[in-house]
């Protein structure tokens, strides 16, 4: 009985329903533990920049800030506005090179999560 209860708690704790949005400060403070893992982060949008790479792909880079800031990158055009507070879903990387861009201590935002 106790074993079954522990398994149920473990499953609930690891399910998306149990996830809650973190702040950039929390991610930065324990960045190694989030490497390559899905995250949900809430913060204020600053330094919003849209870029087009030579192959025609458009992506948007911005900082997601609380007390500290974390970089975020999303493919395509977004309806973001400088200064708005948002929650993003994506994957955190300490360093990751994609064909169109490189992410340093940032979140690659899941398409459609904005």
N, C-alpha and C. Protein backbone atom coordinates (compact mmCIF):
# COMPACT_ATOMS: atom_id res chain seq x y z
N UNK A 1 0.82 -1.19 0.00
CA UNK A 1 0.00 0.00 0.00
C UNK A 1 0.87 1.27 0.00
N UNK A 2 1.87 1.29 0.89
CA UNK A 2 2.75 2.45 0.97
C UNK A 2 3.54 2.60 -0.34
N UNK A 3 3.99 1.48 -0.89
CA UNK A 3 4.75 1.51 -2.14
C UNK A 3 3.90 2.07 -3.28
N UNK A 4 2.64 1.64 -3.36
CA UNK A 4 1.73 2.13 -4.40
C UNK A 4 1.51 3.64 -4.24
N UNK A 5 1.33 4.11 -3.01
CA UNK A 5 1.14 5.53 -2.74
C UNK A 5 2.36 6.33 -3.17
N UNK A 6 3.57 5.80 -2.89
CA UNK A 6 4.81 6.49 -3.27
C UNK A 6 4.92 6.59 -4.79
N UNK A 7 4.52 5.55 -5.50
CA UNK A 7 4.57 5.56 -6.96
C UNK A 7 3.60 6.59 -7.52
N UNK A 8 2.40 6.67 -6.95
CA UNK A 8 1.41 7.65 -7.40
C UNK A 8 1.94 9.06 -7.18
N UNK A 9 2.54 9.32 -6.03
CA UNK A 9 3.11 10.65 -5.76
C UNK A 9 4.23 10.98 -6.74
N UNK A 10 5.07 10.00 -7.05
CA UNK A 10 6.15 10.22 -8.00
C UNK A 10 5.62 10.57 -9.38
N UNK A 11 4.61 9.86 -9.83
CA UNK A 11 4.00 10.13 -11.13
C UNK A 11 3.37 11.51 -11.16
N UNK A 12 2.64 11.87 -10.11
CA UNK A 12 2.01 13.20 -10.06
C UNK A 12 3.05 14.31 -10.03
N UNK A 13 4.12 14.12 -9.31
CA UNK A 13 5.16 15.15 -9.21
C UNK A 13 5.88 15.36 -10.53
N UNK A 14 5.96 14.33 -11.36
CA UNK A 14 6.67 14.47 -12.63
C UNK A 14 5.75 14.81 -13.79
N UNK A 15 4.46 14.91 -13.55
CA UNK A 15 3.52 15.20 -14.63
C UNK A 15 3.45 16.69 -14.90
N UNK A 16 3.09 17.08 -16.14
CA UNK A 16 2.98 18.50 -16.47
C UNK A 16 1.95 19.22 -15.61
N UNK A 17 0.96 18.52 -15.12
CA UNK A 17 -0.06 19.17 -14.29
C UNK A 17 0.53 19.67 -12.98
N UNK A 18 1.60 19.01 -12.53
CA UNK A 18 2.23 19.41 -11.28
C UNK A 18 3.23 20.53 -11.48
N UNK A 19 3.59 20.81 -12.72
CA UNK A 19 4.60 21.84 -13.00
C UNK A 19 4.03 23.23 -12.73
N UNK A 20 4.89 24.10 -12.23
CA UNK A 20 4.48 25.48 -12.06
C UNK A 20 5.57 26.35 -12.65
N UNK A 21 5.18 27.51 -13.08
CA UNK A 21 6.13 28.41 -13.73
C UNK A 21 7.19 28.87 -12.74
N UNK A 22 8.42 28.90 -13.23
CA UNK A 22 9.55 29.37 -12.44
C UNK A 22 9.91 30.77 -12.92
N UNK A 23 10.81 31.40 -12.20
CA UNK A 23 11.31 32.70 -12.63
C UNK A 23 12.69 32.49 -13.26
N UNK A 24 13.16 33.45 -14.06
CA UNK A 24 14.52 33.34 -14.59
C UNK A 24 15.56 33.20 -13.47
N UNK A 25 15.33 33.85 -12.34
CA UNK A 25 16.26 33.77 -11.21
C UNK A 25 16.44 32.32 -10.75
N UNK A 26 15.34 31.57 -10.67
CA UNK A 26 15.41 30.18 -10.23
C UNK A 26 16.20 29.32 -11.22
N UNK A 27 15.98 29.55 -12.50
CA UNK A 27 16.71 28.78 -13.52
C UNK A 27 18.20 29.11 -13.45
N UNK A 28 18.55 30.38 -13.39
CA UNK A 28 19.95 30.80 -13.37
C UNK A 28 20.65 30.26 -12.12
N UNK A 29 19.97 30.25 -10.99
CA UNK A 29 20.57 29.78 -9.73
C UNK A 29 20.92 28.30 -9.75
N UNK A 30 20.22 27.52 -10.55
CA UNK A 30 20.46 26.07 -10.60
C UNK A 30 20.53 25.60 -12.05
N UNK A 31 21.22 26.35 -12.89
CA UNK A 31 21.19 26.11 -14.34
C UNK A 31 21.62 24.69 -14.74
N UNK A 32 22.59 24.12 -14.08
CA UNK A 32 23.05 22.77 -14.45
C UNK A 32 21.96 21.72 -14.28
N UNK A 33 21.10 21.91 -13.31
CA UNK A 33 20.05 20.90 -13.07
C UNK A 33 18.93 20.98 -14.12
N UNK A 34 18.89 22.07 -14.89
CA UNK A 34 17.85 22.23 -15.92
C UNK A 34 18.35 21.92 -17.33
N UNK A 35 19.63 21.66 -17.49
CA UNK A 35 20.23 21.45 -18.81
C UNK A 35 19.46 20.41 -19.63
N UNK A 36 18.96 20.84 -20.80
CA UNK A 36 18.25 19.94 -21.71
C UNK A 36 16.88 19.50 -21.24
N UNK A 37 16.36 20.15 -20.21
CA UNK A 37 15.07 19.74 -19.65
C UNK A 37 13.99 20.76 -19.98
N UNK A 38 12.74 20.29 -20.06
CA UNK A 38 11.63 21.22 -20.30
C UNK A 38 11.42 22.12 -19.09
N UNK A 39 11.13 23.39 -19.37
CA UNK A 39 10.88 24.36 -18.31
C UNK A 39 9.68 25.23 -18.67
N UNK A 40 9.10 25.83 -17.66
CA UNK A 40 8.03 26.82 -17.83
C UNK A 40 8.46 28.02 -17.01
N UNK A 41 8.69 29.14 -17.68
CA UNK A 41 9.28 30.31 -17.02
C UNK A 41 8.44 31.55 -17.28
N UNK A 42 8.22 32.34 -16.23
CA UNK A 42 7.47 33.59 -16.33
C UNK A 42 8.41 34.76 -16.09
N UNK A 43 8.30 35.76 -16.96
CA UNK A 43 9.13 36.96 -16.80
C UNK A 43 8.68 38.07 -17.73
N UNK A 44 9.38 39.20 -17.65
CA UNK A 44 9.09 40.37 -18.45
C UNK A 44 9.97 40.37 -19.69
N UNK A 45 9.38 40.64 -20.85
CA UNK A 45 10.10 40.65 -22.13
C UNK A 45 10.89 41.95 -22.28
N UNK A 46 12.20 41.81 -22.54
CA UNK A 46 13.05 42.97 -22.86
C UNK A 46 13.97 42.60 -24.02
N UNK A 47 14.59 43.60 -24.63
CA UNK A 47 15.55 43.41 -25.73
C UNK A 47 15.01 42.50 -26.82
N UNK A 48 13.81 42.77 -27.24
CA UNK A 48 13.11 41.98 -28.27
C UNK A 48 13.71 42.27 -29.64
N UNK A 49 14.18 41.22 -30.34
CA UNK A 49 14.79 41.38 -31.66
C UNK A 49 14.36 40.25 -32.58
N UNK A 50 13.87 40.60 -33.76
CA UNK A 50 13.55 39.61 -34.79
C UNK A 50 14.72 39.56 -35.76
N UNK A 51 15.08 38.35 -36.19
CA UNK A 51 16.18 38.19 -37.12
C UNK A 51 15.80 37.21 -38.22
N UNK A 52 16.39 37.41 -39.38
CA UNK A 52 16.21 36.47 -40.50
C UNK A 52 17.60 35.99 -40.89
N UNK A 53 17.75 34.67 -40.95
CA UNK A 53 19.04 34.09 -41.32
C UNK A 53 19.08 33.87 -42.83
N UNK A 54 20.26 33.66 -43.40
CA UNK A 54 20.40 33.54 -44.86
C UNK A 54 19.46 32.52 -45.53
N UNK A 55 19.10 31.47 -44.82
CA UNK A 55 18.20 30.48 -45.43
C UNK A 55 16.73 30.92 -45.41
N UNK A 56 16.46 32.13 -44.90
CA UNK A 56 15.11 32.67 -44.90
C UNK A 56 14.33 32.43 -43.62
N UNK A 57 14.89 31.66 -42.70
CA UNK A 57 14.22 31.38 -41.43
C UNK A 57 14.18 32.63 -40.56
N UNK A 58 13.04 32.92 -39.99
CA UNK A 58 12.91 34.04 -39.06
C UNK A 58 12.84 33.50 -37.64
N UNK A 59 13.52 34.17 -36.74
CA UNK A 59 13.41 33.82 -35.33
C UNK A 59 13.44 35.09 -34.50
N UNK A 60 12.93 34.98 -33.27
CA UNK A 60 12.87 36.12 -32.36
C UNK A 60 13.69 35.77 -31.13
N UNK A 61 14.58 36.69 -30.75
CA UNK A 61 15.36 36.56 -29.52
C UNK A 61 14.90 37.64 -28.57
N UNK A 62 14.85 37.30 -27.29
CA UNK A 62 14.51 38.30 -26.27
C UNK A 62 15.04 37.84 -24.93
N UNK A 63 15.08 38.75 -23.99
CA UNK A 63 15.42 38.41 -22.62
C UNK A 63 14.12 38.29 -21.84
N UNK A 64 14.07 37.30 -20.98
CA UNK A 64 12.93 37.10 -20.09
C UNK A 64 13.45 37.42 -18.70
N UNK A 65 12.91 38.45 -18.06
CA UNK A 65 13.52 38.98 -16.84
C UNK A 65 12.60 38.96 -15.63
N UNK A 66 13.21 38.76 -14.47
CA UNK A 66 12.62 39.02 -13.16
C UNK A 66 13.66 39.96 -12.53
N UNK A 67 14.37 39.50 -11.50
CA UNK A 67 15.51 40.27 -11.00
C UNK A 67 16.68 40.10 -11.96
N UNK A 68 16.86 38.85 -12.44
CA UNK A 68 17.89 38.53 -13.43
C UNK A 68 17.19 38.13 -14.72
N UNK A 69 17.94 38.04 -15.80
CA UNK A 69 17.35 37.75 -17.12
C UNK A 69 17.93 36.48 -17.71
N UNK A 70 17.13 35.84 -18.53
CA UNK A 70 17.55 34.65 -19.26
C UNK A 70 17.15 34.84 -20.72
N UNK A 71 18.00 34.39 -21.63
CA UNK A 71 17.72 34.53 -23.06
C UNK A 71 16.63 33.54 -23.47
N UNK A 72 15.81 33.95 -24.42
CA UNK A 72 14.80 33.05 -25.00
C UNK A 72 14.81 33.24 -26.51
N UNK A 73 14.60 32.15 -27.23
CA UNK A 73 14.59 32.16 -28.69
C UNK A 73 13.37 31.39 -29.15
N UNK A 74 12.64 31.96 -30.13
CA UNK A 74 11.49 31.27 -30.69
C UNK A 74 11.55 31.38 -32.21
N UNK A 75 11.25 30.29 -32.88
CA UNK A 75 11.23 30.29 -34.35
C UNK A 75 9.98 30.98 -34.86
N UNK A 76 10.14 31.71 -35.96
CA UNK A 76 8.99 32.36 -36.57
C UNK A 76 8.75 33.74 -36.00
N UNK A 77 7.67 34.33 -36.42
CA UNK A 77 7.30 35.68 -35.99
C UNK A 77 6.37 35.55 -34.80
N UNK A 78 6.57 36.41 -33.80
CA UNK A 78 5.71 36.35 -32.61
C UNK A 78 5.00 37.68 -32.41
N UNK A 79 3.96 37.66 -31.63
CA UNK A 79 3.23 38.87 -31.31
C UNK A 79 3.66 39.48 -29.99
N UNK A 80 4.90 39.26 -29.60
CA UNK A 80 5.40 39.78 -28.32
C UNK A 80 5.56 41.29 -28.36
N UNK A 81 5.46 41.88 -27.18
CA UNK A 81 5.67 43.32 -27.03
C UNK A 81 6.68 43.55 -25.92
N UNK A 82 7.55 44.50 -26.15
CA UNK A 82 8.55 44.88 -25.14
C UNK A 82 7.84 45.27 -23.84
N UNK A 83 8.28 44.69 -22.72
CA UNK A 83 7.73 45.05 -21.41
C UNK A 83 6.59 44.18 -20.92
N UNK A 84 6.00 43.36 -21.78
CA UNK A 84 4.89 42.52 -21.32
C UNK A 84 5.41 41.34 -20.50
N UNK A 85 4.59 40.85 -19.58
CA UNK A 85 4.94 39.68 -18.78
C UNK A 85 4.28 38.46 -19.40
N UNK A 86 5.11 37.43 -19.64
CA UNK A 86 4.61 36.22 -20.29
C UNK A 86 5.14 34.97 -19.58
N UNK A 87 4.53 33.85 -19.89
CA UNK A 87 5.03 32.54 -19.46
C UNK A 87 5.36 31.77 -20.72
N UNK A 88 6.58 31.24 -20.79
CA UNK A 88 6.99 30.44 -21.95
C UNK A 88 7.24 29.00 -21.53
N UNK A 89 7.03 28.11 -22.47
CA UNK A 89 7.34 26.69 -22.29
C UNK A 89 8.43 26.38 -23.30
N UNK A 90 9.45 25.67 -22.86
CA UNK A 90 10.52 25.33 -23.77
C UNK A 90 11.56 24.46 -23.11
N UNK A 91 12.75 24.41 -23.71
CA UNK A 91 13.85 23.60 -23.19
C UNK A 91 15.01 24.52 -22.87
N UNK A 92 15.60 24.33 -21.68
CA UNK A 92 16.73 25.14 -21.25
C UNK A 92 18.04 24.51 -21.73
N UNK A 93 18.94 25.34 -22.24
CA UNK A 93 20.27 24.89 -22.65
C UNK A 93 21.32 25.85 -22.13
N UNK A 94 22.39 25.32 -21.56
CA UNK A 94 23.53 26.14 -21.18
C UNK A 94 24.25 26.65 -22.42
N UNK A 95 24.37 25.77 -23.40
CA UNK A 95 24.94 26.13 -24.70
C UNK A 95 24.42 25.13 -25.70
N UNK A 96 23.89 25.63 -26.81
CA UNK A 96 23.37 24.74 -27.86
C UNK A 96 23.45 25.46 -29.19
N UNK A 97 24.05 24.80 -30.18
CA UNK A 97 24.17 25.38 -31.50
C UNK A 97 23.11 24.76 -32.41
N UNK A 98 22.27 25.61 -32.97
CA UNK A 98 21.29 25.19 -33.96
C UNK A 98 21.77 25.72 -35.29
N UNK A 99 21.20 25.27 -36.37
CA UNK A 99 21.68 25.73 -37.67
C UNK A 99 21.54 27.24 -37.85
N UNK A 100 20.49 27.82 -37.31
CA UNK A 100 20.23 29.25 -37.53
C UNK A 100 20.76 30.14 -36.40
N UNK A 101 20.99 29.59 -35.22
CA UNK A 101 21.39 30.42 -34.08
C UNK A 101 22.03 29.55 -33.01
N UNK A 102 22.70 30.22 -32.08
CA UNK A 102 23.32 29.55 -30.92
C UNK A 102 22.66 30.12 -29.67
N UNK A 103 22.36 29.24 -28.73
CA UNK A 103 21.75 29.65 -27.47
C UNK A 103 22.79 29.48 -26.36
N UNK A 104 22.99 30.54 -25.57
CA UNK A 104 23.87 30.51 -24.40
C UNK A 104 23.01 30.79 -23.18
N UNK A 105 22.92 29.83 -22.28
CA UNK A 105 22.13 29.99 -21.05
C UNK A 105 20.75 30.54 -21.38
N UNK A 106 20.01 29.78 -22.17
CA UNK A 106 18.71 30.27 -22.60
C UNK A 106 17.69 29.18 -22.83
N UNK A 107 16.52 29.61 -23.22
CA UNK A 107 15.39 28.73 -23.45
C UNK A 107 15.03 28.75 -24.93
N UNK A 108 14.93 27.57 -25.52
CA UNK A 108 14.39 27.45 -26.87
C UNK A 108 12.90 27.23 -26.65
N UNK A 109 12.11 28.22 -27.00
CA UNK A 109 10.67 28.22 -26.73
C UNK A 109 9.97 27.25 -27.68
N UNK A 110 9.06 26.45 -27.13
CA UNK A 110 8.29 25.52 -27.94
C UNK A 110 7.41 26.28 -28.92
N UNK A 111 7.37 25.85 -30.18
CA UNK A 111 6.50 26.51 -31.16
C UNK A 111 5.03 26.46 -30.67
N UNK A 112 4.36 27.57 -30.80
CA UNK A 112 2.94 27.64 -30.41
C UNK A 112 2.71 27.85 -28.93
N UNK A 113 3.77 28.00 -28.11
CA UNK A 113 3.53 28.20 -26.68
C UNK A 113 3.39 29.66 -26.29
N UNK A 114 3.53 30.56 -27.25
CA UNK A 114 3.37 31.99 -26.94
C UNK A 114 1.97 32.43 -27.23
